[in-house]
Amino acid sequence: MNMQTVPATPPSQQPVSADSRFILNNISWQTFKALLADAGDDRAWRIAYNEGVLEFRMPLQEHEQPKILIAYFVTAIADELEIEIMELGALLLVREDLRRAVEPDTCFYIQNESVVRGKSIELPNDPPPDLVIESDYTSSSLNKFTIYASLGVPELWRYRHQILEIYQLAGDKYELTEKSLAFPFLPISEIPAFIEQSKTADQRATVRAFRSRIREILHDSES
């Protein structure tokens, strides 16, 4: 399998919309927790925290649409495979012992779904999500790969520039790979075309087309 190690430095930065992200430096863990407590659970913005740097992000339409479609695709795959999965959206993933926290665009428990079913998840006592999805319309100021790796997330999908990249955790770093750990049969290179299709067809038509493609692949694998 062709795999490429992700460098420790963040990917090249794209222009960041002034009204979509806000960065605070030298924020203590105690201050971070107090801000979360004051904001409550109904806040629209998402957060990431690493080594005193706190990032706030307001989701944009250009960011949300690909993420939503990819999540629909994952659910469609699970239905066709007749397996149980649990989507937990922007679940706040916190490791207080590491002073790190992040909210993914969305995340799934797949292999460990039965382990966390019905539980209030707390890391590190519970396993992290099996799959995290990030839609990078604008690049993060934080290296989220470092955060997710420290949390032990085994698989990360990143959609940006009309390309879906699949990363698997190898030791303490992510490696770019051609196949999904959770769904090794999935034709990764075809997914961006379905996302583009949704710009002229509606979302549900796109999901139905994707589901038909998955059925075709599964049927061929059984032949």
N, C-alpha and C. Protein backbone atom coordinates (compact mmCIF):
# COMPACT_ATOMS: atom_id res chain seq x y z
N MET A 1 0.85 -1.19 0.00
CA MET A 1 0.00 0.00 0.00
C MET A 1 0.88 1.24 0.00
N ASN A 2 0.55 2.19 -0.84
CA ASN A 2 1.33 3.42 -0.93
C ASN A 2 0.93 4.36 0.20
N MET A 3 1.88 4.63 1.10
CA MET A 3 1.56 5.48 2.23
C MET A 3 2.61 6.58 2.34
N GLN A 4 2.16 7.74 2.79
CA GLN A 4 3.03 8.91 2.90
C GLN A 4 2.84 9.51 4.28
N THR A 5 3.92 9.70 5.01
CA THR A 5 3.85 10.26 6.35
C THR A 5 3.53 11.74 6.30
N VAL A 6 2.61 12.17 7.16
CA VAL A 6 2.24 13.58 7.23
C VAL A 6 3.31 14.32 8.02
N PRO A 7 3.85 15.43 7.50
CA PRO A 7 4.87 16.18 8.23
C PRO A 7 4.33 16.79 9.50
N ALA A 8 5.23 17.11 10.41
CA ALA A 8 4.82 17.68 11.69
C ALA A 8 4.26 19.08 11.53
N THR A 9 4.68 19.79 10.48
CA THR A 9 4.18 21.15 10.27
C THR A 9 2.86 21.12 9.54
N PRO A 10 1.99 22.11 9.74
CA PRO A 10 0.70 22.13 9.09
C PRO A 10 0.84 22.24 7.59
N PRO A 11 -0.23 21.82 6.82
CA PRO A 11 -0.19 22.00 5.38
C PRO A 11 -0.18 23.47 5.01
N SER A 12 0.13 23.75 3.74
CA SER A 12 0.21 25.14 3.31
C SER A 12 -1.08 25.87 3.61
N GLN A 13 -0.94 27.07 4.11
CA GLN A 13 -2.08 27.85 4.55
C GLN A 13 -2.82 28.47 3.38
N GLN A 14 -4.14 28.48 3.46
CA GLN A 14 -4.99 29.18 2.51
C GLN A 14 -5.49 30.46 3.17
N PRO A 15 -5.87 31.45 2.37
CA PRO A 15 -6.40 32.68 2.98
C PRO A 15 -7.57 32.36 3.90
N VAL A 16 -7.55 32.90 5.09
CA VAL A 16 -8.59 32.64 6.08
C VAL A 16 -9.54 33.81 6.14
N SER A 17 -10.82 33.52 5.98
CA SER A 17 -11.83 34.56 6.05
C SER A 17 -11.83 35.18 7.44
N ALA A 18 -11.83 36.50 7.47
CA ALA A 18 -11.72 37.19 8.76
C ALA A 18 -12.89 36.88 9.68
N ASP A 19 -14.05 36.53 9.10
CA ASP A 19 -15.21 36.30 9.93
C ASP A 19 -15.46 34.80 10.17
N SER A 20 -14.53 33.94 9.79
CA SER A 20 -14.74 32.50 9.98
C SER A 20 -13.86 31.92 11.06
N ARG A 21 -12.72 32.57 11.38
CA ARG A 21 -11.80 32.04 12.38
C ARG A 21 -11.28 33.16 13.28
N PHE A 22 -11.02 32.75 14.51
CA PHE A 22 -10.45 33.71 15.46
C PHE A 22 -9.50 32.94 16.36
N ILE A 23 -8.29 33.46 16.55
CA ILE A 23 -7.24 32.77 17.29
C ILE A 23 -6.89 33.55 18.55
N LEU A 24 -6.76 32.83 19.67
CA LEU A 24 -6.27 33.40 20.91
C LEU A 24 -5.03 32.63 21.34
N ASN A 25 -3.96 33.33 21.66
CA ASN A 25 -2.73 32.70 22.11
C ASN A 25 -2.58 32.84 23.62
N ASN A 26 -1.75 31.98 24.18
CA ASN A 26 -1.42 32.01 25.62
C ASN A 26 -2.66 31.88 26.50
N ILE A 27 -3.53 30.97 26.10
CA ILE A 27 -4.75 30.69 26.86
C ILE A 27 -4.51 29.47 27.74
N SER A 28 -4.68 29.63 29.03
CA SER A 28 -4.46 28.50 29.93
C SER A 28 -5.59 27.49 29.79
N TRP A 29 -5.32 26.27 30.24
CA TRP A 29 -6.34 25.23 30.19
C TRP A 29 -7.55 25.61 31.05
N GLN A 30 -7.29 26.24 32.19
CA GLN A 30 -8.38 26.65 33.06
C GLN A 30 -9.26 27.70 32.38
N THR A 31 -8.63 28.65 31.68
CA THR A 31 -9.39 29.67 30.95
C THR A 31 -10.20 29.04 29.83
N PHE A 32 -9.58 28.09 29.12
CA PHE A 32 -10.28 27.38 28.06
C PHE A 32 -11.54 26.70 28.59
N LYS A 33 -11.41 26.00 29.71
CA LYS A 33 -12.58 25.31 30.28
C LYS A 33 -13.64 26.30 30.74
N ALA A 34 -13.22 27.43 31.27
CA ALA A 34 -14.18 28.44 31.71
C ALA A 34 -14.94 29.03 30.54
N LEU A 35 -14.24 29.27 29.42
CA LEU A 35 -14.90 29.79 28.22
C LEU A 35 -15.95 28.81 27.71
N LEU A 36 -15.61 27.52 27.70
CA LEU A 36 -16.56 26.51 27.25
C LEU A 36 -17.78 26.47 28.17
N ALA A 37 -17.54 26.53 29.46
CA ALA A 37 -18.64 26.49 30.41
C ALA A 37 -19.57 27.69 30.25
N ASP A 38 -18.98 28.87 30.04
CA ASP A 38 -19.79 30.07 29.88
C ASP A 38 -20.58 30.04 28.57
N ALA A 39 -19.99 29.48 27.51
CA ALA A 39 -20.65 29.47 26.20
C ALA A 39 -21.80 28.48 26.16
N GLY A 40 -21.70 27.38 26.91
CA GLY A 40 -22.76 26.39 26.91
C GLY A 40 -22.72 25.49 25.69
N ASP A 41 -23.74 24.65 25.56
CA ASP A 41 -23.77 23.65 24.50
C ASP A 41 -24.41 24.15 23.20
N ASP A 42 -25.01 25.33 23.23
CA ASP A 42 -25.75 25.81 22.07
C ASP A 42 -24.94 26.74 21.17
N ARG A 43 -23.65 26.86 21.41
CA ARG A 43 -22.83 27.76 20.60
C ARG A 43 -22.73 27.26 19.17
N ALA A 44 -22.63 28.22 18.24
CA ALA A 44 -22.54 27.86 16.82
C ALA A 44 -21.10 27.56 16.42
N TRP A 45 -20.13 28.17 17.08
CA TRP A 45 -18.73 28.01 16.68
C TRP A 45 -18.13 26.73 17.24
N ARG A 46 -17.09 26.27 16.54
CA ARG A 46 -16.36 25.08 16.95
C ARG A 46 -14.97 25.47 17.41
N ILE A 47 -14.37 24.59 18.20
CA ILE A 47 -13.10 24.95 18.82
C ILE A 47 -12.03 23.88 18.59
N ALA A 48 -10.79 24.33 18.73
CA ALA A 48 -9.64 23.42 18.81
C ALA A 48 -8.65 24.08 19.76
N TYR A 49 -8.02 23.27 20.61
CA TYR A 49 -7.09 23.81 21.60
C TYR A 49 -5.86 22.93 21.64
N ASN A 50 -4.70 23.57 21.59
CA ASN A 50 -3.45 22.82 21.62
C ASN A 50 -2.34 23.71 22.17
N GLU A 51 -1.79 23.31 23.31
CA GLU A 51 -0.62 23.97 23.88
C GLU A 51 -0.79 25.49 24.00
N GLY A 52 -1.93 25.90 24.55
CA GLY A 52 -2.16 27.31 24.83
C GLY A 52 -2.75 28.12 23.69
N VAL A 53 -2.93 27.49 22.53
CA VAL A 53 -3.52 28.18 21.38
C VAL A 53 -4.97 27.72 21.22
N LEU A 54 -5.88 28.66 21.21
CA LEU A 54 -7.30 28.37 21.10
C LEU A 54 -7.84 28.95 19.80
N GLU A 55 -8.46 28.09 19.00
CA GLU A 55 -9.04 28.53 17.73
C GLU A 55 -10.55 28.38 17.78
N PHE A 56 -11.24 29.45 17.39
CA PHE A 56 -12.70 29.42 17.20
C PHE A 56 -12.97 29.41 15.70
N ARG A 57 -13.94 28.63 15.28
CA ARG A 57 -14.28 28.61 13.85
C ARG A 57 -15.78 28.60 13.67
N MET A 58 -16.26 29.51 12.83
CA MET A 58 -17.67 29.52 12.44
C MET A 58 -17.82 28.73 11.15
N PRO A 59 -18.64 27.69 11.13
CA PRO A 59 -18.80 26.90 9.91
C PRO A 59 -19.36 27.73 8.77
N LEU A 60 -18.80 27.53 7.57
CA LEU A 60 -19.27 28.19 6.36
C LEU A 60 -20.04 27.20 5.50
N GLN A 61 -20.91 27.72 4.64
CA GLN A 61 -21.67 26.85 3.75
C GLN A 61 -20.73 26.00 2.89
N GLU A 62 -19.67 26.62 2.38
CA GLU A 62 -18.74 25.90 1.52
C GLU A 62 -18.02 24.78 2.27
N HIS A 63 -17.96 24.92 3.57
CA HIS A 63 -17.33 23.95 4.44
C HIS A 63 -18.31 22.85 4.83
N GLU A 64 -19.55 23.23 5.10
CA GLU A 64 -20.52 22.29 5.62
C GLU A 64 -21.07 21.32 4.57
N GLN A 65 -21.28 21.79 3.34
CA GLN A 65 -21.90 20.93 2.34
C GLN A 65 -21.10 19.66 2.05
N PRO A 66 -19.78 19.74 1.79
CA PRO A 66 -19.03 18.50 1.56
C PRO A 66 -19.05 17.57 2.77
N LYS A 67 -18.93 18.15 3.97
CA LYS A 67 -18.94 17.33 5.19
C LYS A 67 -20.25 16.57 5.34
N ILE A 68 -21.35 17.24 5.09
CA ILE A 68 -22.66 16.61 5.23
C ILE A 68 -22.80 15.46 4.23
N LEU A 69 -22.39 15.70 3.00
CA LEU A 69 -22.49 14.66 1.98
C LEU A 69 -21.61 13.45 2.32
N ILE A 70 -20.39 13.70 2.75
CA ILE A 70 -19.50 12.59 3.10
C ILE A 70 -20.09 11.78 4.25
N ALA A 71 -20.70 12.46 5.21
CA ALA A 71 -21.35 11.75 6.31
C ALA A 71 -22.52 10.91 5.80
N TYR A 72 -23.29 11.45 4.86
CA TYR A 72 -24.37 10.66 4.24
C TYR A 72 -23.80 9.42 3.54
N PHE A 73 -22.66 9.60 2.88
CA PHE A 73 -22.04 8.49 2.17
C PHE A 73 -21.62 7.38 3.15
N VAL A 74 -21.04 7.78 4.27
CA VAL A 74 -20.63 6.79 5.28
C VAL A 74 -21.85 6.03 5.79
N THR A 75 -22.93 6.75 6.05
CA THR A 75 -24.15 6.10 6.52
C THR A 75 -24.71 5.15 5.47
N ALA A 76 -24.66 5.56 4.20
CA ALA A 76 -25.14 4.69 3.11
C ALA A 76 -24.31 3.41 3.03
N ILE A 77 -23.00 3.53 3.19
CA ILE A 77 -22.14 2.35 3.17
C ILE A 77 -22.52 1.40 4.31
N ALA A 78 -22.70 1.96 5.50
CA ALA A 78 -23.07 1.14 6.66
C ALA A 78 -24.39 0.42 6.42
N ASP A 79 -25.36 1.11 5.81
CA ASP A 79 -26.64 0.48 5.52
C ASP A 79 -26.48 -0.68 4.54
N GLU A 80 -25.66 -0.47 3.51
CA GLU A 80 -25.47 -1.52 2.52
C GLU A 80 -24.72 -2.72 3.10
N LEU A 81 -23.81 -2.45 4.03
CA LEU A 81 -23.07 -3.53 4.69
C LEU A 81 -23.87 -4.14 5.84
N GLU A 82 -24.94 -3.47 6.22
CA GLU A 82 -25.77 -3.90 7.35
C GLU A 82 -24.95 -3.99 8.63
N ILE A 83 -24.18 -2.93 8.89
CA ILE A 83 -23.41 -2.85 10.13
C ILE A 83 -23.89 -1.65 10.94
N GLU A 84 -23.61 -1.69 12.23
CA GLU A 84 -24.00 -0.60 13.11
C GLU A 84 -22.87 0.43 13.19
N ILE A 85 -23.23 1.69 13.07
CA ILE A 85 -22.28 2.78 13.29
C ILE A 85 -22.98 3.85 14.12
N MET A 86 -22.20 4.75 14.68
CA MET A 86 -22.75 5.85 15.46
C MET A 86 -22.08 7.14 15.02
N GLU A 87 -22.87 8.06 14.47
CA GLU A 87 -22.33 9.38 14.12
C GLU A 87 -22.57 10.32 15.28
N LEU A 88 -21.52 11.03 15.68
CA LEU A 88 -21.63 11.94 16.82
C LEU A 88 -21.29 13.38 16.47
N GLY A 89 -21.29 13.71 15.18
CA GLY A 89 -21.13 15.10 14.77
C GLY A 89 -19.87 15.73 15.33
N ALA A 90 -20.01 16.98 15.77
CA ALA A 90 -18.87 17.74 16.30
C ALA A 90 -18.68 17.43 17.78
N LEU A 91 -18.52 16.15 18.09
CA LEU A 91 -18.31 15.73 19.47
C LEU A 91 -17.03 16.36 20.02
N LEU A 92 -17.13 17.01 21.16
CA LEU A 92 -15.96 17.62 21.78
C LEU A 92 -15.06 16.52 22.33
N LEU A 93 -13.88 16.39 21.74
CA LEU A 93 -12.91 15.38 22.15
C LEU A 93 -11.86 16.05 23.02
N VAL A 94 -11.77 15.64 24.26
CA VAL A 94 -10.92 16.32 25.23
C VAL A 94 -9.99 15.32 25.88
N ARG A 95 -8.71 15.70 25.96
CA ARG A 95 -7.76 14.98 26.80
C ARG A 95 -7.14 16.00 27.75
N GLU A 96 -7.71 16.06 28.94
CA GLU A 96 -7.24 17.05 29.91
C GLU A 96 -5.79 16.78 30.30
N ASP A 97 -5.42 15.49 30.35
CA ASP A 97 -4.04 15.16 30.72
C ASP A 97 -3.04 15.65 29.69
N LEU A 98 -3.48 15.81 28.43
CA LEU A 98 -2.61 16.30 27.36
C LEU A 98 -2.80 17.78 27.08
N ARG A 99 -3.82 18.38 27.71
CA ARG A 99 -4.17 19.78 27.45
C ARG A 99 -4.46 20.00 25.97
N ARG A 100 -5.27 19.09 25.43
CA ARG A 100 -5.66 19.19 24.02
C ARG A 100 -7.15 18.90 23.89
N ALA A 101 -7.78 19.59 22.93
CA ALA A 101 -9.20 19.39 22.67
C ALA A 101 -9.51 19.79 21.24
N VAL A 102 -10.51 19.14 20.67
CA VAL A 102 -10.87 19.46 19.29
C VAL A 102 -12.30 19.00 19.03
N GLU A 103 -12.98 19.73 18.16
CA GLU A 103 -14.30 19.33 17.68
C GLU A 103 -14.19 19.04 16.19
N PRO A 104 -14.34 17.79 15.77
CA PRO A 104 -14.27 17.47 14.35
C PRO A 104 -15.50 18.00 13.62
N ASP A 105 -15.41 18.03 12.31
CA ASP A 105 -16.60 18.40 11.54
C ASP A 105 -17.69 17.35 11.76
N THR A 106 -17.30 16.11 11.75
CA THR A 106 -18.17 15.02 12.20
C THR A 106 -17.28 13.82 12.46
N CYS A 107 -17.81 12.87 13.23
CA CYS A 107 -17.03 11.69 13.57
C CYS A 107 -17.94 10.48 13.71
N PHE A 108 -17.34 9.31 13.58
CA PHE A 108 -18.09 8.06 13.62
C PHE A 108 -17.40 7.03 14.50
N TYR A 109 -18.21 6.31 15.25
CA TYR A 109 -17.76 5.07 15.87
C TYR A 109 -18.24 3.93 14.97
N ILE A 110 -17.31 3.13 14.53
CA ILE A 110 -17.62 2.03 13.60
C ILE A 110 -17.19 0.71 14.23
N GLN A 111 -15.88 0.46 14.27
CA GLN A 111 -15.38 -0.75 14.90
C GLN A 111 -15.72 -0.79 16.39
N ASN A 112 -15.73 0.38 17.03
CA ASN A 112 -15.98 0.45 18.48
C ASN A 112 -17.39 0.91 18.82
N GLU A 113 -18.30 0.83 17.87
CA GLU A 113 -19.66 1.31 18.13
C GLU A 113 -20.30 0.61 19.33
N SER A 114 -20.16 -0.70 19.40
CA SER A 114 -20.78 -1.45 20.50
C SER A 114 -20.14 -1.13 21.84
N VAL A 115 -18.88 -0.69 21.82
CA VAL A 115 -18.15 -0.38 23.06
C VAL A 115 -18.69 0.88 23.72
N VAL A 116 -19.08 1.87 22.90
CA VAL A 116 -19.50 3.17 23.45
C VAL A 116 -21.02 3.36 23.38
N ARG A 117 -21.73 2.40 22.86
CA ARG A 117 -23.18 2.56 22.71
C ARG A 117 -23.84 2.86 24.06
N GLY A 118 -24.60 3.94 24.11
CA GLY A 118 -25.32 4.30 25.33
C GLY A 118 -24.48 4.95 26.40
N LYS A 119 -23.20 5.24 26.10
CA LYS A 119 -22.30 5.81 27.10
C LYS A 119 -22.11 7.30 26.88
N SER A 120 -21.74 7.99 27.95
CA SER A 120 -21.26 9.36 27.85
C SER A 120 -19.75 9.26 27.70
N ILE A 121 -19.25 9.53 26.51
CA ILE A 121 -17.86 9.22 26.17
C ILE A 121 -16.90 10.19 26.84
N GLU A 122 -15.89 9.61 27.47
CA GLU A 122 -14.84 10.40 28.12
C GLU A 122 -13.50 9.77 27.78
N LEU A 123 -12.66 10.55 27.13
CA LEU A 123 -11.30 10.10 26.82
C LEU A 123 -10.41 10.37 28.03
N PRO A 124 -9.43 9.53 28.31
CA PRO A 124 -9.00 8.35 27.55
C PRO A 124 -9.63 7.05 28.02
N ASN A 125 -10.62 7.11 28.93
CA ASN A 125 -11.23 5.88 29.43
C ASN A 125 -12.00 5.14 28.34
N ASP A 126 -12.56 5.90 27.41
CA ASP A 126 -13.26 5.32 26.27
C ASP A 126 -12.41 5.51 25.02
N PRO A 127 -12.61 4.65 24.00
CA PRO A 127 -11.83 4.82 22.77
C PRO A 127 -12.25 6.08 22.02
N PRO A 128 -11.35 6.66 21.25
CA PRO A 128 -11.71 7.81 20.41
C PRO A 128 -12.56 7.34 19.24
N PRO A 129 -13.15 8.25 18.49
CA PRO A 129 -13.90 7.83 17.28
C PRO A 129 -13.00 7.04 16.33
N ASP A 130 -13.60 6.10 15.63
CA ASP A 130 -12.86 5.30 14.66
C ASP A 130 -12.57 6.09 13.39
N LEU A 131 -13.40 7.07 13.10
CA LEU A 131 -13.25 7.87 11.87
C LEU A 131 -13.63 9.31 12.16
N VAL A 132 -12.75 10.22 11.77
CA VAL A 132 -13.01 11.66 11.87
C VAL A 132 -12.99 12.24 10.46
N ILE A 133 -13.91 13.15 10.19
CA ILE A 133 -14.00 13.81 8.89
C ILE A 133 -13.78 15.31 9.07
N GLU A 134 -12.87 15.85 8.28
CA GLU A 134 -12.60 17.28 8.28
C GLU A 134 -12.76 17.82 6.86
N SER A 135 -13.53 18.90 6.74
CA SER A 135 -13.71 19.58 5.46
C SER A 135 -12.98 20.91 5.55
N ASP A 136 -11.84 21.00 4.88
CA ASP A 136 -10.98 22.18 5.01
C ASP A 136 -11.23 23.16 3.88
N TYR A 137 -12.29 23.96 4.00
CA TYR A 137 -12.48 25.03 3.03
C TYR A 137 -11.45 26.13 3.26
N THR A 138 -11.17 26.40 4.52
CA THR A 138 -10.06 27.27 4.88
C THR A 138 -9.17 26.47 5.83
N SER A 139 -7.87 26.57 5.68
CA SER A 139 -6.96 25.77 6.47
C SER A 139 -6.94 26.25 7.92
N SER A 140 -6.81 25.29 8.83
CA SER A 140 -6.75 25.62 10.24
C SER A 140 -5.40 26.24 10.59
N SER A 141 -5.41 27.12 11.57
CA SER A 141 -4.17 27.69 12.07
C SER A 141 -3.44 26.70 12.98
N LEU A 142 -4.17 25.69 13.46
CA LEU A 142 -3.58 24.66 14.29
C LEU A 142 -3.32 23.41 13.45
N ASN A 143 -2.32 22.65 13.85
CA ASN A 143 -2.06 21.38 13.20
C ASN A 143 -2.95 20.33 13.86
N LYS A 144 -4.15 20.14 13.31
CA LYS A 144 -5.09 19.21 13.92
C LYS A 144 -4.62 17.77 13.82
N PHE A 145 -3.75 17.47 12.86
CA PHE A 145 -3.20 16.12 12.79
C PHE A 145 -2.53 15.75 14.11
N THR A 146 -1.79 16.70 14.68
CA THR A 146 -1.11 16.45 15.95
C THR A 146 -2.11 16.17 17.05
N ILE A 147 -3.19 16.93 17.08
CA ILE A 147 -4.21 16.75 18.12
C ILE A 147 -4.87 15.38 17.97
N TYR A 148 -5.34 15.07 16.76
CA TYR A 148 -6.03 13.80 16.55
C TYR A 148 -5.11 12.61 16.80
N ALA A 149 -3.84 12.74 16.42
CA ALA A 149 -2.89 11.65 16.66
C ALA A 149 -2.70 11.42 18.15
N SER A 150 -2.60 12.50 18.92
CA SER A 150 -2.42 12.35 20.37
C SER A 150 -3.65 11.75 21.02
N LEU A 151 -4.83 11.94 20.42
CA LEU A 151 -6.05 11.34 20.94
C LEU A 151 -6.20 9.88 20.53
N GLY A 152 -5.42 9.47 19.53
CA GLY A 152 -5.46 8.07 19.10
C GLY A 152 -6.52 7.76 18.06
N VAL A 153 -7.00 8.77 17.34
CA VAL A 153 -7.99 8.53 16.29
C VAL A 153 -7.33 7.74 15.16
N PRO A 154 -7.81 6.54 14.83
CA PRO A 154 -7.10 5.69 13.87
C PRO A 154 -7.22 6.11 12.42
N GLU A 155 -8.29 6.84 12.06
CA GLU A 155 -8.49 7.19 10.65
C GLU A 155 -9.07 8.59 10.53
N LEU A 156 -8.52 9.34 9.59
CA LEU A 156 -8.93 10.73 9.36
C LEU A 156 -9.15 10.94 7.87
N TRP A 157 -10.33 11.47 7.51
CA TRP A 157 -10.61 11.85 6.13
C TRP A 157 -10.60 13.36 6.06
N ARG A 158 -9.84 13.90 5.09
CA ARG A 158 -9.80 15.35 4.90
C ARG A 158 -10.18 15.68 3.46
N TYR A 159 -11.22 16.50 3.32
CA TYR A 159 -11.67 16.93 2.00
C TYR A 159 -11.28 18.39 1.80
N ARG A 160 -10.49 18.64 0.77
CA ARG A 160 -10.12 20.01 0.43
C ARG A 160 -9.69 20.06 -1.03
N HIS A 161 -9.93 21.21 -1.66
CA HIS A 161 -9.56 21.42 -3.06
C HIS A 161 -10.13 20.29 -3.94
N GLN A 162 -11.35 19.86 -3.64
CA GLN A 162 -12.05 18.82 -4.41
C GLN A 162 -11.29 17.49 -4.43
N ILE A 163 -10.54 17.23 -3.36
CA ILE A 163 -9.81 15.97 -3.21
C ILE A 163 -10.10 15.41 -1.83
N LEU A 164 -10.40 14.11 -1.77
CA LEU A 164 -10.59 13.45 -0.49
C LEU A 164 -9.31 12.68 -0.17
N GLU A 165 -8.68 13.04 0.95
CA GLU A 165 -7.46 12.39 1.39
C GLU A 165 -7.77 11.49 2.59
N ILE A 166 -7.18 10.30 2.59
CA ILE A 166 -7.40 9.32 3.66
C ILE A 166 -6.09 9.14 4.41
N TYR A 167 -6.15 9.30 5.72
CA TYR A 167 -4.97 9.15 6.57
C TYR A 167 -5.22 8.08 7.62
N GLN A 168 -4.20 7.26 7.87
CA GLN A 168 -4.26 6.27 8.93
C GLN A 168 -3.16 6.56 9.94
N LEU A 169 -3.47 6.33 11.20
CA LEU A 169 -2.51 6.59 12.26
C LEU A 169 -1.48 5.47 12.30
N ALA A 170 -0.22 5.85 12.23
CA ALA A 170 0.90 4.91 12.31
C ALA A 170 1.85 5.41 13.39
N GLY A 171 1.79 4.81 14.56
CA GLY A 171 2.56 5.33 15.68
C GLY A 171 1.97 6.62 16.17
N ASP A 172 2.76 7.69 16.12
CA ASP A 172 2.27 9.00 16.58
C ASP A 172 2.06 9.98 15.43
N LYS A 173 2.03 9.46 14.18
CA LYS A 173 1.82 10.31 13.01
C LYS A 173 0.81 9.67 12.07
N TYR A 174 0.24 10.52 11.21
CA TYR A 174 -0.67 10.01 10.19
C TYR A 174 0.06 9.80 8.88
N GLU A 175 -0.35 8.76 8.17
CA GLU A 175 0.20 8.46 6.86
C GLU A 175 -0.91 8.51 5.82
N LEU A 176 -0.63 9.21 4.74
CA LEU A 176 -1.56 9.29 3.62
C LEU A 176 -1.61 7.93 2.93
N THR A 177 -2.81 7.42 2.72
CA THR A 177 -2.96 6.09 2.16
C THR A 177 -4.03 6.08 1.09
N GLU A 178 -4.06 5.02 0.29
CA GLU A 178 -5.00 4.94 -0.82
C GLU A 178 -6.30 4.24 -0.43
N LYS A 179 -6.33 3.61 0.75
CA LYS A 179 -7.52 2.86 1.15
C LYS A 179 -7.95 3.26 2.55
N SER A 180 -9.27 3.17 2.75
CA SER A 180 -9.83 3.42 4.07
C SER A 180 -9.63 2.21 4.97
N LEU A 181 -9.33 2.47 6.22
CA LEU A 181 -9.21 1.40 7.20
C LEU A 181 -10.57 0.79 7.50
N ALA A 182 -11.58 1.63 7.62
CA ALA A 182 -12.92 1.14 7.95
C ALA A 182 -13.61 0.50 6.75
N PHE A 183 -13.36 1.05 5.56
CA PHE A 183 -14.03 0.57 4.34
C PHE A 183 -13.00 0.40 3.23
N PRO A 184 -12.21 -0.67 3.26
CA PRO A 184 -11.10 -0.83 2.32
C PRO A 184 -11.52 -0.96 0.86
N PHE A 185 -12.75 -1.32 0.59
CA PHE A 185 -13.24 -1.48 -0.78
C PHE A 185 -13.68 -0.15 -1.40
N LEU A 186 -13.76 0.90 -0.61
CA LEU A 186 -14.33 2.17 -1.05
C LEU A 186 -13.44 2.84 -2.08
N PRO A 187 -13.98 3.20 -3.26
CA PRO A 187 -13.18 3.92 -4.27
C PRO A 187 -13.05 5.40 -3.90
N ILE A 188 -12.02 5.71 -3.17
CA ILE A 188 -11.84 7.06 -2.62
C ILE A 188 -11.84 8.12 -3.72
N SER A 189 -11.21 7.82 -4.84
CA SER A 189 -11.06 8.81 -5.91
C SER A 189 -12.39 9.20 -6.55
N GLU A 190 -13.43 8.39 -6.36
CA GLU A 190 -14.72 8.68 -6.97
C GLU A 190 -15.57 9.63 -6.13
N ILE A 191 -15.28 9.77 -4.86
CA ILE A 191 -16.15 10.53 -3.97
C ILE A 191 -16.22 12.01 -4.34
N PRO A 192 -15.10 12.69 -4.68
CA PRO A 192 -15.22 14.10 -5.05
C PRO A 192 -16.18 14.35 -6.21
N ALA A 193 -16.27 13.43 -7.16
CA ALA A 193 -17.19 13.59 -8.29
C ALA A 193 -18.63 13.59 -7.81
N PHE A 194 -18.93 12.76 -6.81
CA PHE A 194 -20.29 12.77 -6.27
C PHE A 194 -20.58 14.08 -5.55
N ILE A 195 -19.59 14.61 -4.85
CA ILE A 195 -19.79 15.90 -4.18
C ILE A 195 -20.03 17.01 -5.19
N GLU A 196 -19.28 16.99 -6.27
CA GLU A 196 -19.49 17.98 -7.33
C GLU A 196 -20.86 17.81 -7.97
N GLN A 197 -21.30 16.57 -8.11
CA GLN A 197 -22.61 16.29 -8.71
C GLN A 197 -23.72 16.94 -7.90
N SER A 198 -23.53 17.03 -6.58
CA SER A 198 -24.57 17.59 -5.72
C SER A 198 -24.81 19.07 -5.98
N LYS A 199 -23.89 19.73 -6.71
CA LYS A 199 -24.06 21.14 -7.01
C LYS A 199 -25.07 21.38 -8.13
N THR A 200 -25.37 20.33 -8.88
CA THR A 200 -26.37 20.45 -9.94
C THR A 200 -27.58 19.55 -9.67
N ALA A 201 -27.35 18.43 -8.99
CA ALA A 201 -28.46 17.58 -8.55
C ALA A 201 -28.65 17.83 -7.06
N ASP A 202 -29.80 17.42 -6.50
CA ASP A 202 -29.98 17.66 -5.07
C ASP A 202 -29.24 16.61 -4.26
N GLN A 203 -29.16 16.86 -2.97
CA GLN A 203 -28.36 16.00 -2.10
C GLN A 203 -28.86 14.56 -2.09
N ARG A 204 -30.15 14.40 -1.99
CA ARG A 204 -30.69 13.04 -1.88
C ARG A 204 -30.47 12.25 -3.17
N ALA A 205 -30.58 12.92 -4.32
CA ALA A 205 -30.31 12.24 -5.59
C ALA A 205 -28.85 11.81 -5.64
N THR A 206 -27.96 12.66 -5.13
CA THR A 206 -26.55 12.32 -5.10
C THR A 206 -26.28 11.13 -4.20
N VAL A 207 -26.91 11.11 -3.04
CA VAL A 207 -26.73 9.98 -2.11
C VAL A 207 -27.28 8.70 -2.72
N ARG A 208 -28.41 8.80 -3.41
CA ARG A 208 -28.95 7.59 -4.05
C ARG A 208 -28.00 7.06 -5.13
N ALA A 209 -27.41 7.97 -5.89
CA ALA A 209 -26.45 7.56 -6.91
C ALA A 209 -25.23 6.91 -6.27
N PHE A 210 -24.77 7.47 -5.16
CA PHE A 210 -23.62 6.89 -4.45
C PHE A 210 -23.98 5.51 -3.92
N ARG A 211 -25.17 5.37 -3.36
CA ARG A 211 -25.61 4.08 -2.82
C ARG A 211 -25.65 3.02 -3.92
N SER A 212 -26.11 3.41 -5.09
CA SER A 212 -26.14 2.47 -6.23
C SER A 212 -24.73 2.03 -6.61
N ARG A 213 -23.78 2.97 -6.54
CA ARG A 213 -22.40 2.63 -6.85
C ARG A 213 -21.82 1.65 -5.83
N ILE A 214 -22.13 1.85 -4.56
CA ILE A 214 -21.66 0.93 -3.52
C ILE A 214 -22.27 -0.45 -3.71
N ARG A 215 -23.54 -0.51 -4.06
CA ARG A 215 -24.17 -1.81 -4.31
C ARG A 215 -23.49 -2.54 -5.46
N GLU A 216 -23.14 -1.77 -6.49
CA GLU A 216 -22.46 -2.35 -7.63
C GLU A 216 -21.10 -2.93 -7.23
N ILE A 217 -20.35 -2.16 -6.42
CA ILE A 217 -19.04 -2.63 -5.97
C ILE A 217 -19.16 -3.88 -5.12
N LEU A 218 -20.10 -3.88 -4.20
CA LEU A 218 -20.28 -5.03 -3.31
C LEU A 218 -20.74 -6.25 -4.09
N HIS A 219 -21.61 -6.03 -5.08
CA HIS A 219 -22.07 -7.15 -5.92
C HIS A 219 -20.92 -7.75 -6.70
N ASP A 220 -20.08 -6.88 -7.26
CA ASP A 220 -18.94 -7.36 -8.05
C ASP A 220 -17.96 -8.14 -7.18
N SER A 221 -17.80 -7.71 -5.92
CA SER A 221 -16.86 -8.39 -5.04
C SER A 221 -17.34 -9.78 -4.65
N GLU A 222 -18.65 -9.99 -4.75
CA GLU A 222 -19.21 -11.30 -4.39
C GLU A 222 -19.26 -12.25 -5.57
N SER A 223 -19.07 -11.70 -6.76
CA SER A 223 -19.16 -12.53 -7.98
C SER A 223 -17.91 -13.38 -8.18
